[in-house]
Amino acid sequence: MCDRGLVNRILPFSCVDGPGNRSAIFFQGCDFHCRYCHNPETQKLCIGCGRCVEHCPVHALTMEEGKVLWNRDLCVNCDTCLQVCENNSSPKVRWMTVDEILDELSSALPFTTGVTVSGGECTRYDRFIAKLFDRVHELGKTAFCDTNGQRSFRDMPQLMRAMDKAMLDVKAWNPEIHKKLTGMDNRVVLDNLDLLLKEDKLYEVRTVVIPDYLDNEETVCQVSRKLADFPDVRYKLIKYRPWGVRPPMEVQTPSQDYMEGLMALARENGAPEVVIT
């Protein structure tokens, strides 16, 4: 299906999803099941178990023919449904067309520099997003993908053509550590890193940092060496934060000193622009 995409939520304005003030669209469903995911409700599709319906305090959810229906007008966004879901899903999703998305963003787009699609994993809807991006360009805006890189851009030529830039997660360099974190190895991710650099389609690489859990130093060194010859691509190092992680991880948020040490390591290995958040 490429005429609609399953949308988890839309942010009319965001300053953390690419350059400038952007509108961000989060799609439902993800290939990874990252242990530190702070939006686990975006990972899977609803299975219609009805657990959330029983717990909704304002009766904004109902069951019909084995499916959970969400009434946006009744919903107060208390997120009780997300807290009780045992499937890492959300009933608050909508199948939307390109026209519907742009209509919802119509009042925001005059004040933004572009649109970023995220998730979940947005590339699960690659042909739909290519159509969306074509329309975004007609409006004079830029079009960015925030992706985990697990789906090969070699197999998505329409999206590769339509997007301006990608923001790519490199969660771990070691394939076994990557698999421990996400459930999958990183062969496709690292191939996408090379491809996006070669095609001048990469805006930013992102790595979440967890001391004593991930191969932080190796990842930073290897990614920075890849970026050394690409001065326009920045490397963002992100502190692990426990907010939204379910179930909680028994790990510590890295200190500022630790992050600054990784920043120095990245610069020593050639990364031209490094930021920590």
Protein backbone atom coordinates (compact mmCIF):
# COMPACT_ATOMS: atom_id res chain seq x y z
CA MET A 1 0.00 0.00 0.00
CA CYS A 2 1.54 3.31 -1.08
CA ASP A 3 -1.47 5.65 -1.05
CA ARG A 4 -1.60 5.84 2.75
CA GLY A 5 0.79 5.66 5.68
CA LEU A 6 0.11 4.64 9.28
CA VAL A 7 0.84 7.74 11.36
CA ASN A 8 1.49 7.62 15.10
CA ARG A 9 1.59 11.38 15.60
CA ILE A 10 2.40 14.68 13.91
CA LEU A 11 4.35 17.53 15.47
CA PRO A 12 3.66 20.80 13.64
CA PHE A 13 6.89 22.30 15.02
CA SER A 14 10.12 20.62 16.10
CA CYS A 15 13.64 21.96 16.61
CA VAL A 16 15.30 18.55 17.15
CA ASP A 17 14.34 16.69 13.98
CA GLY A 18 16.77 18.21 11.51
CA PRO A 19 17.94 21.69 10.61
CA GLY A 20 15.77 24.67 11.37
CA ASN A 21 12.18 24.65 12.56
CA ARG A 22 10.56 21.58 11.05
CA SER A 23 7.32 19.64 11.01
CA ALA A 24 7.82 16.02 12.09
CA ILE A 25 5.69 13.01 11.17
CA PHE A 26 6.11 9.79 13.15
CA PHE A 27 5.08 6.57 11.44
CA GLN A 28 4.01 3.40 13.23
CA GLY A 29 6.04 0.19 13.19
CA CYS A 30 9.76 -0.54 13.49
CA ASP A 31 12.17 -3.29 12.41
CA PHE A 32 14.19 -2.86 15.60
CA HIS A 33 13.17 -3.39 19.21
CA CYS A 34 15.82 -1.26 20.87
CA ARG A 35 16.27 -1.91 24.55
CA TYR A 36 16.55 1.84 25.25
CA CYS A 37 13.68 2.96 23.01
CA HIS A 38 11.89 5.93 24.58
CA ASN A 39 8.89 5.55 22.25
CA PRO A 40 8.23 1.78 22.49
CA GLU A 41 4.58 2.32 21.59
CA THR A 42 5.72 3.02 17.99
CA GLN A 43 7.34 -0.39 17.50
CA LYS A 44 4.48 -2.73 16.60
CA LEU A 45 1.03 -2.69 15.06
CA CYS A 46 -2.06 -3.12 17.23
CA ILE A 47 -3.21 -6.75 17.53
CA GLY A 48 -6.71 -5.84 18.73
CA CYS A 49 -6.48 -7.51 22.14
CA GLY A 50 -8.73 -4.83 23.69
CA ARG A 51 -6.70 -4.36 26.87
CA CYS A 52 -6.44 -0.60 26.28
CA VAL A 53 -10.20 -0.33 25.73
CA GLU A 54 -10.86 -1.69 29.21
CA HIS A 55 -8.52 0.84 30.83
CA CYS A 56 -9.38 4.05 28.94
CA PRO A 57 -10.79 6.41 31.61
CA VAL A 58 -12.77 8.56 29.16
CA HIS A 59 -14.03 5.75 26.89
CA ALA A 60 -12.25 7.12 23.84
CA LEU A 61 -11.48 3.57 22.68
CA THR A 62 -13.98 0.98 21.47
CA MET A 63 -13.85 -2.45 19.83
CA GLU A 64 -15.47 -3.03 16.47
CA GLU A 65 -15.09 -6.22 14.43
CA GLY A 66 -11.94 -7.17 16.31
CA LYS A 67 -10.26 -3.77 15.89
CA VAL A 68 -9.65 -0.98 18.38
CA LEU A 69 -11.15 2.33 17.28
CA TRP A 70 -9.85 5.65 18.64
CA ASN A 71 -12.08 8.69 19.08
CA ARG A 72 -9.76 11.74 18.89
CA ASP A 73 -12.49 14.08 20.12
CA LEU A 74 -12.95 12.17 23.38
CA CYS A 75 -9.26 11.44 23.98
CA VAL A 76 -7.51 13.52 26.66
CA ASN A 77 -4.04 12.11 25.84
CA CYS A 78 -3.50 10.65 29.30
CA ASP A 79 -1.61 7.77 27.61
CA THR A 80 -3.13 5.13 29.88
CA CYS A 81 -3.57 3.00 26.76
CA LEU A 82 0.16 3.13 26.04
CA GLN A 83 1.06 2.25 29.62
CA VAL A 84 -1.13 -0.86 29.72
CA CYS A 85 -0.31 -2.14 26.22
CA GLU A 86 1.78 -5.31 26.39
CA ASN A 87 2.52 -5.27 22.66
CA ASN A 88 4.58 -2.05 22.34
CA SER A 89 1.85 -0.56 20.20
CA SER A 90 -0.68 2.27 20.23
CA PRO A 91 -4.36 2.51 19.40
CA LYS A 92 -3.88 6.23 18.65
CA VAL A 93 -2.78 5.81 15.04
CA ARG A 94 -4.32 6.87 11.74
CA TRP A 95 -4.01 5.67 8.15
CA MET A 96 -3.49 8.97 6.35
CA THR A 97 -3.13 10.11 2.74
CA VAL A 98 -0.62 12.69 1.56
CA ASP A 99 -3.42 15.25 1.24
CA GLU A 100 -4.59 14.58 4.80
CA ILE A 101 -1.11 15.01 6.24
CA LEU A 102 -0.46 18.24 4.37
CA ASP A 103 -3.89 19.57 5.29
CA GLU A 104 -3.14 18.95 8.97
CA LEU A 105 0.18 20.78 8.56
CA SER A 106 -1.20 23.62 6.44
CA SER A 107 -1.13 26.21 9.23
CA ALA A 108 2.41 25.25 10.31
CA LEU A 109 4.24 24.89 7.00
CA PRO A 110 4.48 28.63 6.25
CA PHE A 111 6.66 28.92 9.37
CA THR A 112 8.89 25.85 8.90
CA THR A 113 11.93 25.05 6.80
CA GLY A 114 10.82 21.55 5.95
CA VAL A 115 9.35 18.18 6.91
CA THR A 116 11.06 15.28 8.63
CA VAL A 117 9.62 11.75 8.70
CA SER A 118 10.51 9.52 11.62
CA GLY A 119 9.03 6.68 13.62
CA GLY A 120 8.97 3.91 14.44
CA GLU A 121 10.79 3.41 11.18
CA CYS A 122 9.57 5.65 8.39
CA THR A 123 11.19 3.68 5.52
CA ARG A 124 8.62 0.92 6.01
CA TYR A 125 6.41 3.31 3.98
CA ASP A 126 9.08 4.31 1.46
CA ARG A 127 6.92 4.71 -1.64
CA PHE A 128 4.26 6.64 0.24
CA ILE A 129 6.88 8.94 1.74
CA ALA A 130 8.42 9.52 -1.70
CA LYS A 131 5.03 10.83 -2.83
CA LEU A 132 4.76 12.97 0.29
CA PHE A 133 8.23 14.41 -0.30
CA ASP A 134 7.41 15.32 -3.89
CA ARG A 135 4.52 17.39 -2.60
CA VAL A 136 6.68 18.89 0.15
CA HIS A 137 9.16 20.06 -2.49
CA GLU A 138 6.33 21.64 -4.49
CA LEU A 139 5.68 23.75 -1.38
CA GLY A 140 9.30 24.90 -1.36
CA LYS A 141 10.27 22.90 1.72
CA THR A 142 13.07 20.40 2.39
CA ALA A 143 12.39 16.72 3.06
CA PHE A 144 14.40 14.66 5.56
CA CYS A 145 14.29 11.04 6.77
CA ASP A 146 15.20 10.06 10.33
CA THR A 147 16.00 6.36 9.94
CA ASN A 148 17.50 3.40 11.79
CA GLY A 149 19.03 2.29 8.49
CA GLN A 150 17.82 -1.31 8.60
CA ARG A 151 16.11 -1.11 5.20
CA SER A 152 18.52 -0.71 2.33
CA PHE A 153 18.26 2.53 0.40
CA ARG A 154 19.55 0.56 -2.59
CA ASP A 155 16.10 -1.05 -2.67
CA MET A 156 14.23 2.27 -2.29
CA PRO A 157 15.19 4.33 -5.37
CA GLN A 158 12.05 6.47 -5.25
CA LEU A 159 12.70 7.55 -1.68
CA MET A 160 16.42 8.00 -2.35
CA ARG A 161 15.53 10.39 -5.18
CA ALA A 162 12.83 12.28 -3.30
CA MET A 163 14.55 12.96 0.01
CA ASP A 164 17.03 15.77 0.48
CA LYS A 165 18.95 14.21 3.34
CA ALA A 166 18.82 11.42 5.90
CA MET A 167 19.66 11.33 9.58
CA LEU A 168 21.02 7.86 10.28
CA ASP A 169 21.30 5.98 13.57
CA VAL A 170 24.50 4.00 14.05
CA LYS A 171 23.63 2.44 17.38
CA ALA A 172 26.68 0.17 17.71
CA TRP A 173 29.58 -0.77 15.46
CA ASN A 174 30.04 -4.32 16.74
CA PRO A 175 27.34 -6.51 15.12
CA GLU A 176 26.85 -8.68 18.20
CA ILE A 177 26.38 -5.68 20.49
CA HIS A 178 24.04 -4.15 17.91
CA LYS A 179 22.01 -7.36 17.89
CA LYS A 180 21.88 -7.42 21.70
CA LEU A 181 20.47 -3.89 21.66
CA THR A 182 18.09 -4.04 18.69
CA GLY A 183 17.46 -7.70 17.91
CA MET A 184 19.21 -7.45 14.52
CA ASP A 185 22.76 -7.06 13.24
CA ASN A 186 24.03 -3.88 11.57
CA ARG A 187 25.21 -5.07 8.14
CA VAL A 188 22.53 -3.10 6.25
CA VAL A 189 22.97 -0.05 8.51
CA LEU A 190 26.68 0.23 7.75
CA ASP A 191 26.09 -0.31 4.03
CA ASN A 192 23.56 2.52 4.12
CA LEU A 193 26.14 4.70 5.86
CA ASP A 194 28.54 4.21 2.96
CA LEU A 195 25.84 4.68 0.33
CA LEU A 196 24.36 7.85 1.83
CA LEU A 197 27.82 9.40 2.15
CA LYS A 198 28.68 8.51 -1.44
CA GLU A 199 25.43 9.97 -2.78
CA ASP A 200 25.64 13.14 -0.65
CA LYS A 201 22.37 12.25 1.06
CA LEU A 202 23.52 12.24 4.68
CA TYR A 203 22.93 15.16 7.03
CA GLU A 204 23.76 13.56 10.36
CA VAL A 205 24.80 10.34 12.09
CA ARG A 206 23.41 9.71 15.56
CA THR A 207 24.69 7.43 18.34
CA VAL A 208 23.07 6.99 21.76
CA VAL A 209 25.71 6.52 24.46
CA ILE A 210 25.40 4.08 27.38
CA PRO A 211 28.59 3.46 29.39
CA ASP A 212 29.44 -0.19 30.15
CA TYR A 213 26.59 -1.44 27.93
CA LEU A 214 27.47 -0.45 24.36
CA ASP A 215 30.74 -0.32 22.44
CA ASN A 216 30.78 3.48 22.67
CA GLU A 217 34.48 4.08 22.01
CA GLU A 218 34.69 1.69 19.05
CA THR A 219 31.51 3.07 17.50
CA VAL A 220 32.66 6.67 17.87
CA CYS A 221 36.10 5.91 16.40
CA GLN A 222 34.79 3.96 13.41
CA VAL A 223 31.98 6.36 12.55
CA SER A 224 34.29 9.38 12.87
CA ARG A 225 36.79 7.84 10.46
CA LYS A 226 33.99 7.35 7.95
CA LEU A 227 32.96 10.99 8.28
CA ALA A 228 36.48 12.43 8.08
CA ASP A 229 36.23 13.28 4.37
CA PHE A 230 32.69 14.69 4.59
CA PRO A 231 32.82 18.12 6.26
CA ASP A 232 29.10 18.79 5.84
CA VAL A 233 27.99 15.70 7.80
CA ARG A 234 27.77 16.11 11.54
CA TYR A 235 27.99 13.48 14.25
CA LYS A 236 25.52 13.75 17.15
CA LEU A 237 26.32 11.90 20.38
CA ILE A 238 23.20 11.50 22.51
CA LYS A 239 23.16 10.78 26.23
CA TYR A 240 21.03 7.82 27.21
CA ARG A 241 18.07 9.08 29.25
CA PRO A 242 15.60 6.82 31.05
CA TRP A 243 12.43 8.76 30.20
CA GLY A 244 9.85 6.58 28.46
CA VAL A 245 11.99 3.43 28.47
CA ARG A 246 9.83 0.39 29.27
CA PRO A 247 10.83 -1.69 31.15
CA PRO A 248 13.50 0.46 32.81
CA MET A 249 17.17 -0.36 32.16
CA GLU A 250 19.58 -0.78 35.05
CA VAL A 251 22.19 1.52 33.51
CA GLN A 252 23.43 5.01 34.21
CA THR A 253 23.11 8.18 32.14
CA PRO A 254 26.62 9.15 31.00
CA SER A 255 28.26 12.10 32.70
CA GLN A 256 29.11 15.30 30.86
CA ASP A 257 32.81 14.48 31.28
CA TYR A 258 32.27 11.08 29.64
CA MET A 259 30.41 12.66 26.72
CA GLU A 260 33.09 15.31 26.25
CA GLY A 261 35.71 12.54 26.20
CA LEU A 262 33.82 10.84 23.37
CA MET A 263 33.54 14.15 21.55
CA ALA A 264 37.31 14.57 21.76
CA LEU A 265 37.77 10.99 20.54
CA ALA A 266 35.49 11.68 17.57
CA ARG A 267 37.46 14.77 16.61
CA GLU A 268 40.76 12.91 16.97
CA ASN A 269 39.47 10.33 14.49
CA GLY A 270 38.42 12.89 11.91
CA ALA A 271 34.79 13.79 12.51
CA PRO A 272 34.53 17.40 11.25
CA GLU A 273 31.53 18.44 13.35
CA VAL A 274 30.50 16.79 16.61
CA VAL A 275 27.66 17.76 18.93
CA ILE A 276 26.51 16.24 22.21
CA THR A 277 22.98 16.35 23.58
